[in-house]
Amino acid sequence: MVGGPMNGLAAVSPDHIVPKAEIAQLPRFTEPTPDQQWAVMNTPTNLAWLGRTPNKKEGSRAVENMGGVLQTWQEEYSRLQEQKRAELKLLISALADSNTQG
């Protein structure tokens, strides 16, 4: 178990590591089909369980601007975001390229 209930709510919630608003701004994002764009936005590789408090504090803001979390956690999550951002760019490019090949 990741965490016990807090007032009837789970202690964790799923988080988009790279926020959806940012994904939509990545290079070539508009080239895949709408169904493919939805799949990129919701790919499980871009989801992580995050404690309810940090997730609520993060919202769509950059993790570097979050307060009330450990600096080591912030740094690790920032590195994870960079890794996932690179993976998403590759996925978007592959989907866009596959749509132009015929």
N, C-alpha and C. Protein backbone atom coordinates (compact mmCIF):
# COMPACT_ATOMS: atom_id res chain seq x y z
N MET A 1 0.83 -1.18 0.00
CA MET A 1 0.00 0.00 0.00
C MET A 1 0.88 1.24 0.00
N VAL A 2 0.55 2.19 -0.86
CA VAL A 2 1.36 3.40 -1.00
C VAL A 2 1.11 4.36 0.14
N GLY A 3 -0.10 4.49 0.57
CA GLY A 3 -0.43 5.39 1.66
C GLY A 3 -1.83 5.13 2.14
N GLY A 4 -2.07 5.43 3.37
CA GLY A 4 -3.39 5.21 3.93
C GLY A 4 -4.35 6.33 3.57
N PRO A 5 -5.62 6.10 3.83
CA PRO A 5 -6.62 7.12 3.52
C PRO A 5 -6.46 8.36 4.39
N MET A 6 -6.75 9.49 3.79
CA MET A 6 -6.75 10.76 4.51
C MET A 6 -8.15 11.32 4.39
N ASN A 7 -8.91 11.30 5.47
CA ASN A 7 -10.29 11.79 5.44
C ASN A 7 -11.08 11.11 4.33
N GLY A 8 -10.85 9.81 4.16
CA GLY A 8 -11.58 9.07 3.13
C GLY A 8 -10.96 9.16 1.75
N LEU A 9 -9.90 9.93 1.57
CA LEU A 9 -9.22 10.06 0.29
C LEU A 9 -7.89 9.32 0.34
N ALA A 10 -7.47 8.80 -0.80
CA ALA A 10 -6.17 8.14 -0.87
C ALA A 10 -5.07 9.17 -0.62
N ALA A 11 -3.95 8.71 -0.08
CA ALA A 11 -2.84 9.60 0.21
C ALA A 11 -2.07 9.99 -1.03
N VAL A 12 -2.33 9.31 -2.16
CA VAL A 12 -1.65 9.61 -3.41
C VAL A 12 -2.67 9.78 -4.52
N SER A 13 -2.23 10.41 -5.59
CA SER A 13 -3.08 10.56 -6.77
C SER A 13 -2.17 10.53 -8.00
N PRO A 14 -2.73 10.14 -9.16
CA PRO A 14 -1.91 10.11 -10.36
C PRO A 14 -1.56 11.52 -10.81
N ASP A 15 -0.35 11.68 -11.29
CA ASP A 15 0.14 12.99 -11.72
C ASP A 15 0.74 12.86 -13.11
N HIS A 16 0.43 13.82 -13.97
CA HIS A 16 1.13 13.90 -15.26
C HIS A 16 2.49 14.51 -14.97
N ILE A 17 3.53 13.75 -15.19
CA ILE A 17 4.89 14.20 -14.89
C ILE A 17 5.20 15.46 -15.70
N VAL A 18 4.97 15.40 -17.01
CA VAL A 18 5.03 16.60 -17.85
C VAL A 18 3.57 17.03 -18.01
N PRO A 19 3.22 18.23 -17.55
CA PRO A 19 1.82 18.66 -17.60
C PRO A 19 1.26 18.67 -19.02
N LYS A 20 -0.05 18.39 -19.12
CA LYS A 20 -0.72 18.36 -20.42
C LYS A 20 -0.55 19.67 -21.17
N ALA A 21 -0.65 20.79 -20.46
CA ALA A 21 -0.50 22.10 -21.11
C ALA A 21 0.86 22.23 -21.78
N GLU A 22 1.88 21.66 -21.17
CA GLU A 22 3.21 21.71 -21.76
C GLU A 22 3.34 20.74 -22.92
N ILE A 23 2.74 19.55 -22.80
CA ILE A 23 2.81 18.57 -23.88
C ILE A 23 2.23 19.17 -25.16
N ALA A 24 1.13 19.89 -25.04
CA ALA A 24 0.47 20.48 -26.20
C ALA A 24 1.36 21.51 -26.91
N GLN A 25 2.38 22.00 -26.22
CA GLN A 25 3.29 22.99 -26.80
C GLN A 25 4.59 22.37 -27.34
N LEU A 26 4.74 21.05 -27.18
CA LEU A 26 5.97 20.41 -27.66
C LEU A 26 6.02 20.45 -29.19
N PRO A 27 7.23 20.47 -29.75
CA PRO A 27 7.37 20.50 -31.21
C PRO A 27 6.61 19.35 -31.87
N ARG A 28 5.89 19.67 -32.94
CA ARG A 28 5.18 18.74 -33.80
C ARG A 28 3.94 18.12 -33.17
N PHE A 29 3.53 18.59 -31.99
CA PHE A 29 2.38 17.97 -31.32
C PHE A 29 1.12 18.02 -32.17
N THR A 30 0.97 19.03 -32.99
CA THR A 30 -0.26 19.15 -33.79
C THR A 30 -0.27 18.24 -35.01
N GLU A 31 0.84 17.58 -35.33
CA GLU A 31 0.92 16.73 -36.52
C GLU A 31 0.24 15.36 -36.37
N PRO A 32 0.31 14.69 -35.25
CA PRO A 32 -0.42 13.42 -35.11
C PRO A 32 -1.93 13.66 -35.14
N THR A 33 -2.68 12.59 -35.37
CA THR A 33 -4.14 12.69 -35.39
C THR A 33 -4.65 13.06 -33.99
N PRO A 34 -5.88 13.55 -33.89
CA PRO A 34 -6.43 13.85 -32.56
C PRO A 34 -6.41 12.64 -31.61
N ASP A 35 -6.71 11.45 -32.13
CA ASP A 35 -6.64 10.25 -31.28
C ASP A 35 -5.22 10.00 -30.80
N GLN A 36 -4.25 10.21 -31.66
CA GLN A 36 -2.86 10.03 -31.27
C GLN A 36 -2.44 11.10 -30.26
N GLN A 37 -2.90 12.33 -30.44
CA GLN A 37 -2.59 13.39 -29.48
C GLN A 37 -3.14 13.03 -28.10
N TRP A 38 -4.38 12.51 -28.07
CA TRP A 38 -4.98 12.10 -26.80
C TRP A 38 -4.12 11.01 -26.16
N ALA A 39 -3.67 10.05 -26.97
CA ALA A 39 -2.84 8.96 -26.44
C ALA A 39 -1.53 9.48 -25.87
N VAL A 40 -0.92 10.45 -26.55
CA VAL A 40 0.32 11.05 -26.04
C VAL A 40 0.06 11.74 -24.71
N MET A 41 -1.01 12.50 -24.64
CA MET A 41 -1.35 13.23 -23.41
C MET A 41 -1.53 12.30 -22.22
N ASN A 42 -2.03 11.10 -22.48
CA ASN A 42 -2.40 10.19 -21.41
C ASN A 42 -1.56 8.93 -21.36
N THR A 43 -0.41 8.93 -22.01
CA THR A 43 0.44 7.75 -22.00
C THR A 43 0.84 7.40 -20.56
N PRO A 44 0.70 6.14 -20.20
CA PRO A 44 1.05 5.74 -18.83
C PRO A 44 2.49 6.05 -18.44
N THR A 45 3.38 6.12 -19.41
CA THR A 45 4.78 6.40 -19.08
C THR A 45 4.96 7.82 -18.53
N ASN A 46 3.97 8.68 -18.73
CA ASN A 46 4.04 10.05 -18.22
C ASN A 46 3.22 10.23 -16.94
N LEU A 47 2.83 9.14 -16.32
CA LEU A 47 2.07 9.21 -15.07
C LEU A 47 2.89 8.67 -13.91
N ALA A 48 2.74 9.29 -12.77
CA ALA A 48 3.41 8.82 -11.56
C ALA A 48 2.47 9.03 -10.39
N TRP A 49 2.59 8.16 -9.38
CA TRP A 49 1.84 8.37 -8.15
C TRP A 49 2.56 9.46 -7.37
N LEU A 50 1.81 10.44 -6.98
CA LEU A 50 2.39 11.57 -6.25
C LEU A 50 1.54 11.81 -5.02
N GLY A 51 2.20 12.10 -3.92
CA GLY A 51 1.46 12.40 -2.70
C GLY A 51 0.46 13.52 -2.95
N ARG A 52 -0.69 13.43 -2.32
CA ARG A 52 -1.76 14.40 -2.56
C ARG A 52 -1.29 15.83 -2.29
N THR A 53 -0.52 16.07 -1.25
CA THR A 53 -0.09 17.43 -0.93
C THR A 53 0.84 18.00 -1.99
N PRO A 54 1.92 17.29 -2.39
CA PRO A 54 2.76 17.86 -3.46
C PRO A 54 2.01 18.01 -4.78
N ASN A 55 1.12 17.07 -5.10
CA ASN A 55 0.38 17.13 -6.35
C ASN A 55 -0.52 18.37 -6.36
N LYS A 56 -1.15 18.64 -5.24
CA LYS A 56 -2.01 19.81 -5.13
C LYS A 56 -1.19 21.09 -5.24
N LYS A 57 -0.01 21.11 -4.64
CA LYS A 57 0.85 22.29 -4.70
C LYS A 57 1.41 22.50 -6.10
N GLU A 58 1.65 21.38 -6.82
CA GLU A 58 2.27 21.49 -8.13
C GLU A 58 1.30 22.10 -9.13
N GLY A 59 0.07 21.56 -9.20
CA GLY A 59 -0.86 22.02 -10.23
C GLY A 59 -0.19 21.90 -11.58
N SER A 60 -0.21 22.94 -12.37
CA SER A 60 0.45 22.94 -13.68
C SER A 60 1.75 23.73 -13.64
N ARG A 61 2.18 24.09 -12.44
CA ARG A 61 3.40 24.88 -12.33
C ARG A 61 4.63 24.00 -12.47
N ALA A 62 5.72 24.64 -12.79
CA ALA A 62 6.99 23.92 -12.85
C ALA A 62 7.36 23.43 -11.46
N VAL A 63 7.88 22.23 -11.40
CA VAL A 63 8.23 21.64 -10.12
C VAL A 63 9.29 22.48 -9.40
N GLU A 64 10.11 23.18 -10.15
CA GLU A 64 11.15 24.02 -9.54
C GLU A 64 10.56 25.16 -8.72
N ASN A 65 9.32 25.55 -9.01
CA ASN A 65 8.69 26.67 -8.31
C ASN A 65 7.83 26.24 -7.13
N MET A 66 7.79 24.95 -6.85
CA MET A 66 6.96 24.46 -5.75
C MET A 66 7.61 24.75 -4.41
N GLY A 67 6.80 25.10 -3.47
CA GLY A 67 7.29 25.29 -2.10
C GLY A 67 6.78 24.17 -1.22
N GLY A 68 7.39 23.99 -0.07
CA GLY A 68 6.91 23.03 0.90
C GLY A 68 7.26 21.59 0.60
N VAL A 69 8.20 21.36 -0.32
CA VAL A 69 8.65 19.99 -0.61
C VAL A 69 10.16 19.94 -0.43
N LEU A 70 10.68 18.75 -0.21
CA LEU A 70 12.12 18.59 -0.03
C LEU A 70 12.86 18.95 -1.32
N GLN A 71 13.97 19.64 -1.17
CA GLN A 71 14.76 20.05 -2.34
C GLN A 71 15.27 18.83 -3.11
N THR A 72 15.65 17.77 -2.40
CA THR A 72 16.13 16.58 -3.11
C THR A 72 15.02 15.96 -3.94
N TRP A 73 13.78 15.95 -3.41
CA TRP A 73 12.65 15.44 -4.18
C TRP A 73 12.43 16.32 -5.40
N GLN A 74 12.47 17.64 -5.22
CA GLN A 74 12.29 18.58 -6.32
C GLN A 74 13.30 18.32 -7.44
N GLU A 75 14.54 18.13 -7.05
CA GLU A 75 15.60 17.91 -8.03
C GLU A 75 15.39 16.60 -8.78
N GLU A 76 15.03 15.54 -8.06
CA GLU A 76 14.79 14.24 -8.70
C GLU A 76 13.59 14.30 -9.64
N TYR A 77 12.53 14.97 -9.21
CA TYR A 77 11.33 15.07 -10.04
C TYR A 77 11.60 15.92 -11.28
N SER A 78 12.42 16.94 -11.12
CA SER A 78 12.80 17.78 -12.25
C SER A 78 13.58 16.95 -13.28
N ARG A 79 14.49 16.10 -12.82
CA ARG A 79 15.22 15.21 -13.73
C ARG A 79 14.27 14.23 -14.43
N LEU A 80 13.31 13.71 -13.68
CA LEU A 80 12.32 12.81 -14.25
C LEU A 80 11.51 13.53 -15.33
N GLN A 81 11.13 14.77 -15.07
CA GLN A 81 10.40 15.55 -16.08
C GLN A 81 11.21 15.72 -17.35
N GLU A 82 12.47 16.02 -17.22
CA GLU A 82 13.33 16.18 -18.40
C GLU A 82 13.39 14.88 -19.20
N GLN A 83 13.53 13.76 -18.51
CA GLN A 83 13.57 12.46 -19.17
C GLN A 83 12.25 12.20 -19.90
N LYS A 84 11.14 12.43 -19.24
CA LYS A 84 9.82 12.18 -19.85
C LYS A 84 9.55 13.15 -20.99
N ARG A 85 10.01 14.38 -20.87
CA ARG A 85 9.86 15.37 -21.94
C ARG A 85 10.56 14.87 -23.20
N ALA A 86 11.76 14.35 -23.05
CA ALA A 86 12.52 13.82 -24.19
C ALA A 86 11.80 12.61 -24.80
N GLU A 87 11.28 11.72 -23.95
CA GLU A 87 10.54 10.55 -24.45
C GLU A 87 9.29 10.97 -25.21
N LEU A 88 8.58 11.95 -24.69
CA LEU A 88 7.36 12.43 -25.35
C LEU A 88 7.68 13.06 -26.70
N LYS A 89 8.77 13.80 -26.79
CA LYS A 89 9.17 14.39 -28.07
C LYS A 89 9.45 13.31 -29.11
N LEU A 90 10.12 12.24 -28.69
CA LEU A 90 10.39 11.13 -29.60
C LEU A 90 9.09 10.45 -30.04
N LEU A 91 8.18 10.24 -29.11
CA LEU A 91 6.90 9.61 -29.41
C LEU A 91 6.11 10.47 -30.40
N ILE A 92 6.04 11.76 -30.14
CA ILE A 92 5.32 12.67 -31.04
C ILE A 92 5.93 12.64 -32.43
N SER A 93 7.24 12.70 -32.52
CA SER A 93 7.91 12.66 -33.83
C SER A 93 7.63 11.36 -34.57
N ALA A 94 7.67 10.25 -33.84
CA ALA A 94 7.41 8.95 -34.47
C ALA A 94 5.98 8.88 -35.01
N LEU A 95 5.03 9.37 -34.24
CA LEU A 95 3.64 9.37 -34.69
C LEU A 95 3.45 10.30 -35.88
N ALA A 96 4.04 11.47 -35.82
CA ALA A 96 3.92 12.43 -36.93
C ALA A 96 4.54 11.85 -38.20
N ASP A 97 5.72 11.24 -38.05
CA ASP A 97 6.40 10.64 -39.21
C ASP A 97 5.59 9.49 -39.79
N SER A 98 4.96 8.69 -38.93
CA SER A 98 4.18 7.56 -39.42
C SER A 98 2.96 8.01 -40.21
N ASN A 99 2.46 9.18 -39.92
CA ASN A 99 1.31 9.71 -40.65
C ASN A 99 1.68 10.28 -42.00
N THR A 100 2.95 10.62 -42.20
CA THR A 100 3.37 11.19 -43.49
C THR A 100 3.89 10.12 -44.44
N GLN A 101 4.17 8.92 -43.90
CA GLN A 101 4.63 7.83 -44.76
C GLN A 101 3.42 7.13 -45.34
N GLY A 102 3.53 6.75 -46.56
CA GLY A 102 2.33 6.22 -47.09
C GLY A 102 2.22 5.06 -47.85
